[in-house]
Amino acid sequence: MKSQRLRPAHDQMSLTQIYAEPHDSSKWHDHNIRVAVTSAIANGPVDVKSCADLSCGDARIARSVSAKETFLGDFAPGYRFTGPIIKTIDEIPHVDMFILSETLEHLDKPDRVLKLIRPKTKYLVLSTPLEAWDEVNLEHYWAWDQEYVESLLTDAGFEPGVFNGLDMRKMYSPYYFGIWLCR
């Protein structure tokens, strides 16, 4: 079990500049594949009437879920729920599914955010890069292995269920993605 803090958290002004617009996942081929796999897992064997994604970027994953109610938000402006996820979690009602895709590694206190999400949802869909020890993306604060992420999930009260490792490293991407569906 291993984790590594990669860099200190950015200040509020830097975050506002970095996340001036929601992330467009369609710009990168590896992200298109990861979004497709994450969407397939989110549309798996669970009944979902409501879902939330408060770091949704272009919201492709959340919009793929056939839920009657969807709550979208992002740090960047443009959605009903705008600002740091640690604050917007309190603004949504309880949902059947919470999507946290490619966000955990961007958070100063990922364990705290998972603990805030737990009482808000039945299911969590999580994706994050694994084993990115030499990460150069300045937005990522953390690198970790699968076992460490699963300990974060368990400590927050989630039961890791479905897991899919999506290894893009041998193709054209530096990432090995871990994707979970948790109870």
N, C-alpha and C. Protein backbone atom coordinates (compact mmCIF):
# COMPACT_ATOMS: atom_id res chain seq x y z
N MET A 1 0.87 -1.17 0.00
CA MET A 1 0.00 0.00 0.00
C MET A 1 0.91 1.22 0.00
N LYS A 2 0.70 2.08 -1.01
CA LYS A 2 1.60 3.21 -1.14
C LYS A 2 0.84 4.46 -1.65
N SER A 3 1.21 5.61 -1.09
CA SER A 3 0.74 6.90 -1.60
C SER A 3 1.89 7.87 -1.54
N GLN A 4 1.80 8.90 -2.35
CA GLN A 4 2.86 9.91 -2.37
C GLN A 4 2.24 11.27 -2.65
N ARG A 5 2.52 12.21 -1.78
CA ARG A 5 2.10 13.60 -2.04
C ARG A 5 3.06 14.14 -3.09
N LEU A 6 2.53 14.63 -4.20
CA LEU A 6 3.36 15.08 -5.31
C LEU A 6 3.74 16.55 -5.22
N ARG A 7 2.83 17.35 -4.69
CA ARG A 7 3.09 18.80 -4.61
C ARG A 7 2.09 19.42 -3.64
N PRO A 8 2.41 20.61 -3.15
CA PRO A 8 1.46 21.30 -2.25
C PRO A 8 0.22 21.76 -3.03
N ALA A 9 -0.83 22.00 -2.28
CA ALA A 9 -2.07 22.48 -2.89
C ALA A 9 -1.89 23.88 -3.44
N HIS A 10 -2.60 24.15 -4.52
CA HIS A 10 -2.59 25.49 -5.11
C HIS A 10 -3.44 26.42 -4.26
N ASP A 11 -3.14 27.71 -4.29
CA ASP A 11 -3.97 28.68 -3.59
C ASP A 11 -5.23 28.96 -4.42
N GLN A 12 -6.19 29.65 -3.81
CA GLN A 12 -7.49 29.91 -4.45
C GLN A 12 -7.36 30.64 -5.78
N MET A 13 -6.47 31.61 -5.86
CA MET A 13 -6.29 32.36 -7.10
C MET A 13 -5.78 31.45 -8.22
N SER A 14 -4.82 30.60 -7.91
CA SER A 14 -4.29 29.66 -8.90
C SER A 14 -5.37 28.68 -9.36
N LEU A 15 -6.16 28.17 -8.42
CA LEU A 15 -7.23 27.24 -8.77
C LEU A 15 -8.24 27.89 -9.71
N THR A 16 -8.56 29.14 -9.45
CA THR A 16 -9.51 29.86 -10.31
C THR A 16 -8.96 29.99 -11.73
N GLN A 17 -7.68 30.18 -11.86
CA GLN A 17 -7.05 30.26 -13.19
C GLN A 17 -6.97 28.89 -13.85
N ILE A 18 -6.56 27.88 -13.10
CA ILE A 18 -6.44 26.52 -13.64
C ILE A 18 -7.78 25.99 -14.11
N TYR A 19 -8.81 26.22 -13.30
CA TYR A 19 -10.13 25.68 -13.60
C TYR A 19 -11.09 26.79 -14.04
N ALA A 20 -10.63 27.60 -14.98
CA ALA A 20 -11.46 28.70 -15.49
C ALA A 20 -12.61 28.18 -16.33
N GLU A 21 -12.43 27.02 -16.95
CA GLU A 21 -13.46 26.40 -17.78
C GLU A 21 -13.56 24.92 -17.42
N PRO A 22 -14.75 24.34 -17.55
CA PRO A 22 -14.88 22.90 -17.29
C PRO A 22 -13.97 22.10 -18.24
N HIS A 23 -13.42 21.01 -17.75
CA HIS A 23 -12.53 20.14 -18.51
C HIS A 23 -13.28 19.51 -19.68
N ASP A 24 -12.66 19.51 -20.84
CA ASP A 24 -13.22 18.88 -22.04
C ASP A 24 -12.48 17.56 -22.25
N SER A 25 -13.11 16.46 -21.87
CA SER A 25 -12.45 15.15 -21.92
C SER A 25 -12.27 14.64 -23.35
N SER A 26 -12.96 15.23 -24.31
CA SER A 26 -12.88 14.72 -25.69
C SER A 26 -11.58 15.09 -26.39
N LYS A 27 -10.77 15.93 -25.78
CA LYS A 27 -9.53 16.38 -26.42
C LYS A 27 -8.43 15.32 -26.43
N TRP A 28 -8.53 14.32 -25.56
CA TRP A 28 -7.48 13.31 -25.43
C TRP A 28 -8.07 11.93 -25.66
N HIS A 29 -7.40 11.14 -26.52
CA HIS A 29 -7.90 9.81 -26.86
C HIS A 29 -8.01 8.91 -25.62
N ASP A 30 -7.01 8.95 -24.73
CA ASP A 30 -7.07 8.10 -23.54
C ASP A 30 -8.23 8.49 -22.64
N HIS A 31 -8.58 9.78 -22.60
CA HIS A 31 -9.73 10.21 -21.80
C HIS A 31 -11.03 9.72 -22.42
N ASN A 32 -11.11 9.71 -23.74
CA ASN A 32 -12.32 9.19 -24.39
C ASN A 32 -12.54 7.72 -24.02
N ILE A 33 -11.48 6.94 -24.01
CA ILE A 33 -11.60 5.53 -23.64
C ILE A 33 -11.97 5.40 -22.16
N ARG A 34 -11.30 6.17 -21.29
CA ARG A 34 -11.60 6.11 -19.86
C ARG A 34 -13.04 6.54 -19.57
N VAL A 35 -13.52 7.57 -20.26
CA VAL A 35 -14.91 8.00 -20.09
C VAL A 35 -15.87 6.90 -20.51
N ALA A 36 -15.58 6.24 -21.62
CA ALA A 36 -16.45 5.15 -22.09
C ALA A 36 -16.50 4.00 -21.08
N VAL A 37 -15.35 3.61 -20.55
CA VAL A 37 -15.31 2.51 -19.59
C VAL A 37 -16.00 2.93 -18.28
N THR A 38 -15.73 4.14 -17.81
CA THR A 38 -16.36 4.62 -16.57
C THR A 38 -17.87 4.70 -16.75
N SER A 39 -18.32 5.17 -17.92
CA SER A 39 -19.76 5.24 -18.20
C SER A 39 -20.39 3.85 -18.20
N ALA A 40 -19.71 2.88 -18.76
CA ALA A 40 -20.23 1.51 -18.78
C ALA A 40 -20.36 0.97 -17.35
N ILE A 41 -19.39 1.25 -16.50
CA ILE A 41 -19.47 0.81 -15.10
C ILE A 41 -20.59 1.53 -14.37
N ALA A 42 -20.75 2.83 -14.63
CA ALA A 42 -21.82 3.61 -13.98
C ALA A 42 -23.20 3.12 -14.41
N ASN A 43 -23.29 2.57 -15.60
CA ASN A 43 -24.57 2.07 -16.11
C ASN A 43 -24.71 0.57 -15.88
N GLY A 44 -23.98 0.06 -14.91
CA GLY A 44 -23.96 -1.37 -14.62
C GLY A 44 -25.17 -1.86 -13.86
N PRO A 45 -24.94 -2.75 -12.92
CA PRO A 45 -26.03 -3.53 -12.32
C PRO A 45 -26.80 -2.85 -11.19
N VAL A 46 -26.77 -1.53 -11.09
CA VAL A 46 -27.47 -0.87 -9.99
C VAL A 46 -28.59 0.02 -10.52
N ASP A 47 -29.65 0.14 -9.71
CA ASP A 47 -30.79 0.98 -10.06
C ASP A 47 -30.49 2.41 -9.62
N VAL A 48 -30.49 3.33 -10.57
CA VAL A 48 -30.13 4.71 -10.28
C VAL A 48 -31.25 5.65 -10.74
N LYS A 49 -31.88 6.28 -9.77
CA LYS A 49 -32.91 7.27 -10.08
C LYS A 49 -32.36 8.69 -10.04
N SER A 50 -31.25 8.87 -9.29
CA SER A 50 -30.63 10.19 -9.19
C SER A 50 -29.11 10.02 -9.12
N CYS A 51 -28.41 10.98 -9.72
CA CYS A 51 -26.95 10.94 -9.63
C CYS A 51 -26.41 12.36 -9.56
N ALA A 52 -25.19 12.44 -9.07
CA ALA A 52 -24.51 13.74 -8.95
C ALA A 52 -23.07 13.58 -9.40
N ASP A 53 -22.57 14.63 -10.02
CA ASP A 53 -21.16 14.74 -10.36
C ASP A 53 -20.80 16.20 -10.16
N LEU A 54 -20.04 16.49 -9.11
CA LEU A 54 -19.72 17.88 -8.76
C LEU A 54 -18.33 18.30 -9.23
N SER A 55 -17.72 17.46 -10.03
CA SER A 55 -16.46 17.79 -10.71
C SER A 55 -16.57 17.25 -12.13
N CYS A 56 -17.68 17.60 -12.76
CA CYS A 56 -18.11 16.89 -13.97
C CYS A 56 -17.41 17.30 -15.26
N GLY A 57 -16.70 18.42 -15.28
CA GLY A 57 -16.08 18.82 -16.55
C GLY A 57 -17.14 18.96 -17.62
N ASP A 58 -17.03 18.16 -18.67
CA ASP A 58 -18.04 18.22 -19.74
C ASP A 58 -19.25 17.34 -19.46
N ALA A 59 -19.28 16.68 -18.32
CA ALA A 59 -20.43 15.90 -17.82
C ALA A 59 -20.79 14.69 -18.66
N ARG A 60 -19.87 14.18 -19.46
CA ARG A 60 -20.18 13.04 -20.32
C ARG A 60 -20.57 11.80 -19.53
N ILE A 61 -19.91 11.55 -18.42
CA ILE A 61 -20.22 10.34 -17.65
C ILE A 61 -21.58 10.48 -16.98
N ALA A 62 -21.82 11.57 -16.29
CA ALA A 62 -23.10 11.76 -15.60
C ALA A 62 -24.28 11.76 -16.58
N ARG A 63 -24.08 12.36 -17.72
CA ARG A 63 -25.17 12.40 -18.72
C ARG A 63 -25.43 11.03 -19.35
N SER A 64 -24.47 10.12 -19.24
CA SER A 64 -24.67 8.78 -19.78
C SER A 64 -25.53 7.92 -18.86
N VAL A 65 -25.64 8.30 -17.58
CA VAL A 65 -26.41 7.52 -16.61
C VAL A 65 -27.89 7.82 -16.81
N SER A 66 -28.69 6.77 -16.92
CA SER A 66 -30.12 6.98 -17.14
C SER A 66 -30.82 7.19 -15.80
N ALA A 67 -30.62 8.38 -15.25
CA ALA A 67 -31.24 8.78 -14.00
C ALA A 67 -32.29 9.84 -14.28
N LYS A 68 -33.35 9.87 -13.49
CA LYS A 68 -34.39 10.88 -13.66
C LYS A 68 -33.90 12.26 -13.24
N GLU A 69 -33.04 12.29 -12.20
CA GLU A 69 -32.48 13.56 -11.71
C GLU A 69 -30.96 13.48 -11.74
N THR A 70 -30.34 14.53 -12.28
CA THR A 70 -28.88 14.61 -12.32
C THR A 70 -28.47 15.97 -11.81
N PHE A 71 -27.55 15.96 -10.85
CA PHE A 71 -27.04 17.20 -10.26
C PHE A 71 -25.60 17.37 -10.72
N LEU A 72 -25.36 18.44 -11.50
CA LEU A 72 -24.04 18.67 -12.08
C LEU A 72 -23.39 19.89 -11.45
N GLY A 73 -22.08 19.79 -11.26
CA GLY A 73 -21.31 20.90 -10.72
C GLY A 73 -19.86 20.77 -11.10
N ASP A 74 -19.11 21.82 -10.87
CA ASP A 74 -17.68 21.83 -11.18
C ASP A 74 -17.05 23.00 -10.43
N PHE A 75 -15.75 22.95 -10.27
CA PHE A 75 -15.05 24.11 -9.71
C PHE A 75 -15.21 25.28 -10.68
N ALA A 76 -15.07 24.99 -11.97
CA ALA A 76 -15.22 26.01 -13.01
C ALA A 76 -16.67 26.45 -13.11
N PRO A 77 -16.92 27.69 -13.49
CA PRO A 77 -18.29 28.17 -13.63
C PRO A 77 -19.01 27.51 -14.80
N GLY A 78 -20.33 27.56 -14.75
CA GLY A 78 -21.13 27.04 -15.85
C GLY A 78 -22.18 26.04 -15.44
N TYR A 79 -22.15 25.61 -14.20
CA TYR A 79 -23.13 24.65 -13.69
C TYR A 79 -23.85 25.22 -12.48
N ARG A 80 -24.95 24.60 -12.12
CA ARG A 80 -25.74 25.03 -10.96
C ARG A 80 -24.89 25.04 -9.68
N PHE A 81 -24.07 24.02 -9.51
CA PHE A 81 -23.22 23.91 -8.32
C PHE A 81 -21.79 24.23 -8.76
N THR A 82 -21.28 25.37 -8.30
CA THR A 82 -19.97 25.85 -8.72
C THR A 82 -19.10 26.12 -7.51
N GLY A 83 -17.86 25.68 -7.61
CA GLY A 83 -16.90 25.92 -6.54
C GLY A 83 -16.24 24.65 -6.09
N PRO A 84 -15.47 24.72 -5.02
CA PRO A 84 -14.77 23.54 -4.51
C PRO A 84 -15.76 22.44 -4.12
N ILE A 85 -15.45 21.23 -4.50
CA ILE A 85 -16.33 20.09 -4.23
C ILE A 85 -16.56 19.92 -2.73
N ILE A 86 -15.59 20.27 -1.94
CA ILE A 86 -15.71 20.13 -0.49
C ILE A 86 -16.85 21.01 0.06
N LYS A 87 -17.23 22.04 -0.69
CA LYS A 87 -18.34 22.91 -0.30
C LYS A 87 -19.64 22.54 -1.01
N THR A 88 -19.57 22.18 -2.28
CA THR A 88 -20.80 21.91 -3.04
C THR A 88 -21.46 20.60 -2.65
N ILE A 89 -20.73 19.69 -2.02
CA ILE A 89 -21.34 18.44 -1.56
C ILE A 89 -22.53 18.72 -0.65
N ASP A 90 -22.41 19.72 0.20
CA ASP A 90 -23.50 20.06 1.12
C ASP A 90 -24.73 20.64 0.42
N GLU A 91 -24.57 21.07 -0.82
CA GLU A 91 -25.67 21.73 -1.54
C GLU A 91 -26.59 20.77 -2.27
N ILE A 92 -26.22 19.51 -2.36
CA ILE A 92 -27.05 18.56 -3.09
C ILE A 92 -27.82 17.66 -2.13
N PRO A 93 -28.94 17.10 -2.59
CA PRO A 93 -29.65 16.13 -1.77
C PRO A 93 -28.95 14.76 -1.84
N HIS A 94 -29.44 13.81 -1.08
CA HIS A 94 -28.96 12.44 -1.18
C HIS A 94 -29.28 11.92 -2.58
N VAL A 95 -28.32 11.22 -3.20
CA VAL A 95 -28.50 10.67 -4.54
C VAL A 95 -28.17 9.18 -4.52
N ASP A 96 -28.67 8.47 -5.52
CA ASP A 96 -28.36 7.05 -5.64
C ASP A 96 -26.89 6.83 -6.02
N MET A 97 -26.36 7.68 -6.90
CA MET A 97 -25.00 7.51 -7.38
C MET A 97 -24.25 8.84 -7.40
N PHE A 98 -23.03 8.81 -6.90
CA PHE A 98 -22.15 9.97 -6.94
C PHE A 98 -20.97 9.59 -7.83
N ILE A 99 -20.66 10.42 -8.80
CA ILE A 99 -19.55 10.18 -9.72
C ILE A 99 -18.39 11.08 -9.32
N LEU A 100 -17.23 10.47 -9.15
CA LEU A 100 -16.01 11.19 -8.80
C LEU A 100 -14.92 10.69 -9.75
N SER A 101 -14.91 11.27 -10.94
CA SER A 101 -14.04 10.79 -12.00
C SER A 101 -12.88 11.75 -12.22
N GLU A 102 -11.67 11.22 -12.07
CA GLU A 102 -10.44 11.98 -12.28
C GLU A 102 -10.44 13.26 -11.44
N THR A 103 -10.81 13.12 -10.18
CA THR A 103 -10.89 14.25 -9.26
C THR A 103 -10.09 14.02 -8.00
N LEU A 104 -10.12 12.82 -7.46
CA LEU A 104 -9.51 12.54 -6.17
C LEU A 104 -8.05 12.98 -6.10
N GLU A 105 -7.32 12.77 -7.18
CA GLU A 105 -5.90 13.12 -7.22
C GLU A 105 -5.66 14.63 -7.25
N HIS A 106 -6.72 15.41 -7.50
CA HIS A 106 -6.65 16.87 -7.54
C HIS A 106 -6.96 17.51 -6.19
N LEU A 107 -7.35 16.71 -5.21
CA LEU A 107 -7.85 17.25 -3.95
C LEU A 107 -6.78 17.26 -2.87
N ASP A 108 -6.74 18.36 -2.12
CA ASP A 108 -5.79 18.48 -1.03
C ASP A 108 -6.07 17.45 0.05
N LYS A 109 -7.34 17.21 0.33
CA LYS A 109 -7.74 16.28 1.39
C LYS A 109 -8.71 15.24 0.82
N PRO A 110 -8.22 14.30 0.03
CA PRO A 110 -9.12 13.33 -0.61
C PRO A 110 -9.89 12.48 0.39
N ASP A 111 -9.28 12.13 1.51
CA ASP A 111 -9.96 11.33 2.51
C ASP A 111 -11.16 12.07 3.10
N ARG A 112 -11.00 13.35 3.33
CA ARG A 112 -12.11 14.16 3.87
C ARG A 112 -13.26 14.25 2.88
N VAL A 113 -12.95 14.45 1.61
CA VAL A 113 -14.00 14.56 0.59
C VAL A 113 -14.77 13.25 0.48
N LEU A 114 -14.09 12.11 0.49
CA LEU A 114 -14.79 10.82 0.44
C LEU A 114 -15.71 10.66 1.64
N LYS A 115 -15.27 11.10 2.82
CA LYS A 115 -16.11 10.99 4.02
C LYS A 115 -17.33 11.91 3.94
N LEU A 116 -17.21 13.04 3.25
CA LEU A 116 -18.36 13.94 3.06
C LEU A 116 -19.34 13.37 2.03
N ILE A 117 -18.84 12.67 1.05
CA ILE A 117 -19.69 12.07 0.02
C ILE A 117 -20.48 10.89 0.56
N ARG A 118 -19.89 10.10 1.44
CA ARG A 118 -20.50 8.84 1.91
C ARG A 118 -21.96 8.99 2.35
N PRO A 119 -22.32 9.96 3.21
CA PRO A 119 -23.72 10.04 3.63
C PRO A 119 -24.66 10.58 2.55
N LYS A 120 -24.11 11.02 1.43
CA LYS A 120 -24.91 11.61 0.36
C LYS A 120 -25.31 10.61 -0.72
N THR A 121 -24.81 9.35 -0.67
CA THR A 121 -25.06 8.45 -1.78
C THR A 121 -25.08 6.98 -1.38
N LYS A 122 -25.76 6.18 -2.19
CA LYS A 122 -25.72 4.72 -2.04
C LYS A 122 -24.47 4.16 -2.73
N TYR A 123 -24.19 4.69 -3.92
CA TYR A 123 -23.10 4.17 -4.75
C TYR A 123 -22.14 5.28 -5.13
N LEU A 124 -20.88 4.91 -5.27
CA LEU A 124 -19.86 5.82 -5.73
C LEU A 124 -19.17 5.21 -6.94
N VAL A 125 -19.06 5.99 -8.01
CA VAL A 125 -18.23 5.62 -9.15
C VAL A 125 -16.99 6.50 -9.07
N LEU A 126 -15.84 5.86 -8.97
CA LEU A 126 -14.58 6.56 -8.78
C LEU A 126 -13.59 6.13 -9.85
N SER A 127 -12.92 7.10 -10.45
CA SER A 127 -11.77 6.78 -11.30
C SER A 127 -10.64 7.72 -10.93
N THR A 128 -9.43 7.18 -10.95
CA THR A 128 -8.23 7.94 -10.62
C THR A 128 -7.02 7.25 -11.23
N PRO A 129 -6.00 8.00 -11.61
CA PRO A 129 -4.77 7.35 -12.06
C PRO A 129 -4.12 6.57 -10.92
N LEU A 130 -3.55 5.43 -11.26
CA LEU A 130 -2.82 4.62 -10.28
C LEU A 130 -1.35 4.56 -10.68
N GLU A 131 -0.52 4.49 -9.65
CA GLU A 131 0.93 4.30 -9.85
C GLU A 131 1.56 5.41 -10.70
N ALA A 132 1.05 6.62 -10.62
CA ALA A 132 1.58 7.76 -11.39
C ALA A 132 2.64 8.48 -10.57
N TRP A 133 3.68 7.75 -10.19
CA TRP A 133 4.70 8.27 -9.27
C TRP A 133 5.50 9.42 -9.86
N ASP A 134 5.65 9.46 -11.16
CA ASP A 134 6.42 10.52 -11.82
C ASP A 134 5.51 11.52 -12.52
N GLU A 135 4.33 11.72 -11.97
CA GLU A 135 3.31 12.59 -12.57
C GLU A 135 3.84 14.01 -12.79
N VAL A 136 3.64 14.52 -14.01
CA VAL A 136 4.07 15.88 -14.33
C VAL A 136 2.90 16.85 -14.41
N ASN A 137 1.68 16.35 -14.37
CA ASN A 137 0.50 17.20 -14.39
C ASN A 137 0.45 17.98 -13.08
N LEU A 138 0.64 19.29 -13.15
CA LEU A 138 0.71 20.13 -11.96
C LEU A 138 -0.62 20.24 -11.21
N GLU A 139 -1.70 19.76 -11.82
CA GLU A 139 -3.00 19.76 -11.15
C GLU A 139 -3.14 18.58 -10.19
N HIS A 140 -2.33 17.55 -10.35
CA HIS A 140 -2.42 16.35 -9.52
C HIS A 140 -1.56 16.50 -8.28
N TYR A 141 -2.18 16.35 -7.11
CA TYR A 141 -1.48 16.46 -5.83
C TYR A 141 -0.99 15.09 -5.32
N TRP A 142 -1.59 14.00 -5.83
CA TRP A 142 -1.36 12.68 -5.26
C TRP A 142 -1.05 11.63 -6.31
N ALA A 143 -0.24 10.66 -5.91
CA ALA A 143 -0.06 9.41 -6.64
C ALA A 143 -0.29 8.30 -5.61
N TRP A 144 -0.85 7.16 -6.08
CA TRP A 144 -1.16 6.06 -5.16
C TRP A 144 -1.35 4.78 -5.92
N ASP A 145 -1.38 3.70 -5.17
CA ASP A 145 -1.65 2.41 -5.79
C ASP A 145 -3.10 2.00 -5.48
N GLN A 146 -3.54 0.90 -6.09
CA GLN A 146 -4.91 0.44 -5.92
C GLN A 146 -5.24 0.15 -4.46
N GLU A 147 -4.33 -0.48 -3.78
CA GLU A 147 -4.56 -0.84 -2.39
C GLU A 147 -4.77 0.39 -1.51
N TYR A 148 -4.01 1.45 -1.77
CA TYR A 148 -4.16 2.67 -0.98
C TYR A 148 -5.52 3.34 -1.25
N VAL A 149 -5.92 3.41 -2.51
CA VAL A 149 -7.22 4.01 -2.83
C VAL A 149 -8.33 3.21 -2.18
N GLU A 150 -8.22 1.89 -2.22
CA GLU A 150 -9.25 1.06 -1.59
C GLU A 150 -9.28 1.25 -0.07
N SER A 151 -8.13 1.55 0.54
CA SER A 151 -8.14 1.85 1.98
C SER A 151 -8.82 3.19 2.25
N LEU A 152 -8.61 4.18 1.36
CA LEU A 152 -9.33 5.46 1.50
C LEU A 152 -10.84 5.23 1.41
N LEU A 153 -11.26 4.42 0.45
CA LEU A 153 -12.68 4.13 0.27
C LEU A 153 -13.26 3.43 1.50
N THR A 154 -12.58 2.42 1.99
CA THR A 154 -13.04 1.67 3.16
C THR A 154 -13.09 2.56 4.39
N ASP A 155 -12.06 3.38 4.59
CA ASP A 155 -12.04 4.29 5.74
C ASP A 155 -13.19 5.30 5.69
N ALA A 156 -13.64 5.63 4.49
CA ALA A 156 -14.76 6.57 4.35
C ALA A 156 -16.12 5.88 4.49
N GLY A 157 -16.12 4.54 4.55
CA GLY A 157 -17.37 3.81 4.71
C GLY A 157 -17.90 3.19 3.44
N PHE A 158 -17.13 3.24 2.36
CA PHE A 158 -17.54 2.60 1.11
C PHE A 158 -17.04 1.17 1.06
N GLU A 159 -17.76 0.33 0.33
CA GLU A 159 -17.34 -1.04 0.09
C GLU A 159 -16.94 -1.14 -1.38
N PRO A 160 -15.63 -1.18 -1.67
CA PRO A 160 -15.22 -1.30 -3.07
C PRO A 160 -15.78 -2.58 -3.66
N GLY A 161 -16.45 -2.46 -4.79
CA GLY A 161 -17.06 -3.61 -5.45
C GLY A 161 -16.38 -3.88 -6.77
N VAL A 162 -17.04 -3.48 -7.83
CA VAL A 162 -16.49 -3.66 -9.17
C VAL A 162 -15.22 -2.83 -9.31
N PHE A 163 -14.16 -3.44 -9.83
CA PHE A 163 -12.92 -2.72 -10.14
C PHE A 163 -12.50 -3.06 -11.56
N ASN A 164 -12.09 -2.02 -12.28
CA ASN A 164 -11.53 -2.22 -13.61
C ASN A 164 -10.24 -1.42 -13.70
N GLY A 165 -9.16 -2.08 -14.00
CA GLY A 165 -7.89 -1.41 -14.27
C GLY A 165 -7.77 -1.18 -15.76
N LEU A 166 -7.59 0.05 -16.15
CA LEU A 166 -7.49 0.41 -17.56
C LEU A 166 -6.08 0.93 -17.81
N ASP A 167 -5.22 0.08 -18.34
CA ASP A 167 -3.81 0.41 -18.50
C ASP A 167 -3.55 0.95 -19.90
N MET A 168 -3.31 2.25 -19.97
CA MET A 168 -3.07 2.92 -21.24
C MET A 168 -1.58 3.18 -21.47
N ARG A 169 -0.74 2.76 -20.53
CA ARG A 169 0.68 3.11 -20.57
C ARG A 169 1.43 2.51 -21.76
N LYS A 170 1.05 1.37 -22.22
CA LYS A 170 1.79 0.74 -23.32
C LYS A 170 1.34 1.26 -24.69
N MET A 171 0.35 2.10 -24.69
CA MET A 171 -0.16 2.61 -25.96
C MET A 171 0.37 4.02 -26.23
N TYR A 172 -0.24 5.00 -25.61
CA TYR A 172 0.08 6.39 -25.95
C TYR A 172 -0.20 7.34 -24.80
N SER A 173 -0.33 6.80 -23.62
CA SER A 173 -0.71 7.61 -22.47
C SER A 173 0.16 7.22 -21.27
N PRO A 174 0.40 8.15 -20.37
CA PRO A 174 1.18 7.80 -19.17
C PRO A 174 0.33 7.16 -18.07
N TYR A 175 -0.96 6.92 -18.33
CA TYR A 175 -1.84 6.56 -17.23
C TYR A 175 -2.32 5.11 -17.22
N TYR A 176 -2.37 4.61 -15.99
CA TYR A 176 -3.07 3.38 -15.64
C TYR A 176 -4.20 3.84 -14.74
N PHE A 177 -5.43 3.75 -15.22
CA PHE A 177 -6.60 4.23 -14.49
C PHE A 177 -7.19 3.11 -13.66
N GLY A 178 -7.58 3.43 -12.44
CA GLY A 178 -8.38 2.55 -11.62
C GLY A 178 -9.80 3.08 -11.62
N ILE A 179 -10.77 2.19 -11.87
CA ILE A 179 -12.18 2.60 -11.93
C ILE A 179 -12.98 1.65 -11.04
N TRP A 180 -13.72 2.21 -10.09
CA TRP A 180 -14.48 1.42 -9.12
C TRP A 180 -15.96 1.79 -9.15
N LEU A 181 -16.78 0.80 -8.82
CA LEU A 181 -18.18 1.01 -8.42
C LEU A 181 -18.26 0.49 -7.00
N CYS A 182 -18.59 1.39 -6.08
CA CYS A 182 -18.60 1.06 -4.64
C CYS A 182 -20.00 1.23 -4.07
N ARG A 183 -20.26 0.43 -3.03
CA ARG A 183 -21.50 0.57 -2.24
C ARG A 183 -21.20 1.44 -1.05
